[in-house]
Amino acid sequence: MLRISRIASPNGAVTLRLEGQIGGPWVEELCRLCEQCLATGGSLILDLTDVSFIDLDGVALCQRLRDQNVALLHCSPFVTEQLKGHQRGGRQSNAANACHQ
């Protein structure tokens, strides 16, 4: 299960605070919400403070979002390792590099 809370700021940036696990049908729902936010032209931040697990599809989504300059913030050490472990094109992903404490 994944809880997604949308927090808008006066400067147009949107933060999606995620709580739970990013996996299964929740990956598609998160993707849909992120696409909506990015379509407005503002910046998007994912607050992963309370994310306990990300499945392979979720890690792939995080990589795609990072490639679109979405900030991944407050990852737990476990989630950071999950993002580091994702292989893309035979080399290690840079998804974890965007996950700031």
Protein backbone atom coordinates (compact mmCIF):
# COMPACT_ATOMS: atom_id res chain seq x y z
CA MET A 1 0.00 0.00 0.00
CA LEU A 2 1.17 3.53 -0.77
CA ARG A 3 -0.18 6.80 0.58
CA ILE A 4 0.51 9.83 -1.61
CA SER A 5 0.06 13.35 -0.23
CA ARG A 6 0.40 16.30 -2.58
CA ILE A 7 1.95 19.45 -1.10
CA ALA A 8 2.06 22.55 -3.29
CA SER A 9 4.37 25.46 -2.59
CA PRO A 10 3.92 29.13 -3.54
CA ASN A 11 6.80 28.93 -6.05
CA GLY A 12 4.97 26.32 -8.15
CA ALA A 13 6.95 23.31 -6.98
CA VAL A 14 4.98 20.23 -5.99
CA THR A 15 6.11 17.74 -3.38
CA LEU A 16 4.61 14.26 -3.31
CA ARG A 17 5.09 12.79 0.16
CA LEU A 18 5.09 9.01 -0.14
CA GLU A 19 4.36 6.61 2.70
CA GLY A 20 4.49 2.81 2.43
CA GLN A 21 5.75 0.65 -0.42
CA ILE A 22 6.21 1.63 -4.06
CA GLY A 23 5.23 -1.53 -5.87
CA GLY A 24 2.56 -3.31 -7.86
CA PRO A 25 -0.38 -1.13 -8.93
CA TRP A 26 0.97 1.80 -6.92
CA VAL A 27 3.83 2.29 -9.40
CA GLU A 28 1.33 3.06 -12.16
CA GLU A 29 -0.66 5.40 -9.90
CA LEU A 30 2.51 7.24 -8.85
CA CYS A 31 3.58 7.49 -12.48
CA ARG A 32 0.21 8.98 -13.43
CA LEU A 33 0.38 11.59 -10.66
CA CYS A 34 3.98 12.51 -11.51
CA GLU A 35 3.10 12.95 -15.18
CA GLN A 36 0.24 15.28 -14.20
CA CYS A 37 2.56 17.36 -12.03
CA LEU A 38 5.32 17.52 -14.64
CA ALA A 39 2.82 18.53 -17.34
CA THR A 40 2.23 21.84 -15.54
CA GLY A 41 5.88 22.80 -16.04
CA GLY A 42 6.68 23.16 -12.34
CA SER A 43 9.33 21.24 -10.47
CA LEU A 44 8.51 17.98 -8.74
CA ILE A 45 9.96 16.54 -5.54
CA LEU A 46 9.35 13.06 -4.16
CA ASP A 47 9.72 12.89 -0.38
CA LEU A 48 10.60 9.26 0.36
CA THR A 49 10.99 9.66 4.14
CA ASP A 50 8.38 7.02 4.94
CA VAL A 51 8.93 4.63 2.01
CA SER A 52 9.94 1.20 3.30
CA PHE A 53 10.37 -0.70 0.01
CA ILE A 54 10.53 -0.13 -3.75
CA ASP A 55 10.04 -3.02 -6.18
CA LEU A 56 11.88 -3.27 -9.52
CA ASP A 57 9.16 -1.39 -11.44
CA GLY A 58 9.23 1.31 -8.79
CA VAL A 59 13.00 1.61 -9.00
CA ALA A 60 12.74 1.91 -12.80
CA LEU A 61 10.13 4.66 -12.35
CA CYS A 62 12.44 6.50 -9.94
CA GLN A 63 15.22 6.33 -12.53
CA ARG A 64 12.97 7.73 -15.26
CA LEU A 65 11.81 10.50 -12.94
CA ARG A 66 15.37 11.33 -11.94
CA ASP A 67 16.21 11.61 -15.63
CA GLN A 68 13.43 14.22 -15.82
CA ASN A 69 15.05 16.23 -13.00
CA VAL A 70 12.65 15.07 -10.30
CA ALA A 71 14.32 15.28 -6.88
CA LEU A 72 14.18 12.17 -4.68
CA LEU A 73 14.58 13.31 -1.09
CA HIS A 74 15.00 11.73 2.35
CA CYS A 75 15.57 8.10 1.32
CA SER A 76 16.20 5.60 4.07
CA PRO A 77 19.49 3.71 3.84
CA PHE A 78 17.56 0.62 2.66
CA VAL A 79 15.77 2.51 -0.13
CA THR A 80 19.05 4.17 -1.15
CA GLU A 81 20.60 0.70 -1.55
CA GLN A 82 17.61 -0.46 -3.59
CA LEU A 83 18.08 2.49 -5.94
CA LYS A 84 21.84 1.85 -6.18
CA GLY A 85 21.28 -1.80 -7.04
CA HIS A 86 19.22 -1.04 -10.14
CA GLN A 87 21.13 -1.89 -13.30
CA ARG A 88 20.45 0.06 -16.47
CA GLY A 89 22.14 -0.73 -19.74
CA GLY A 90 24.80 -2.82 -18.00
CA ARG A 91 25.92 -0.04 -15.68
CA GLN A 92 24.81 1.11 -12.30
CA SER A 93 21.93 3.53 -12.11
CA ASN A 94 22.37 7.10 -10.99
CA ALA A 95 18.96 7.12 -9.28
CA ALA A 96 20.49 6.99 -5.83
CA ASN A 97 22.64 10.03 -6.59
CA ALA A 98 19.48 12.15 -6.59
CA CYS A 99 18.33 10.84 -3.23
CA HIS A 100 19.38 13.52 -0.80
CA GLN A 101 19.16 13.25 2.96
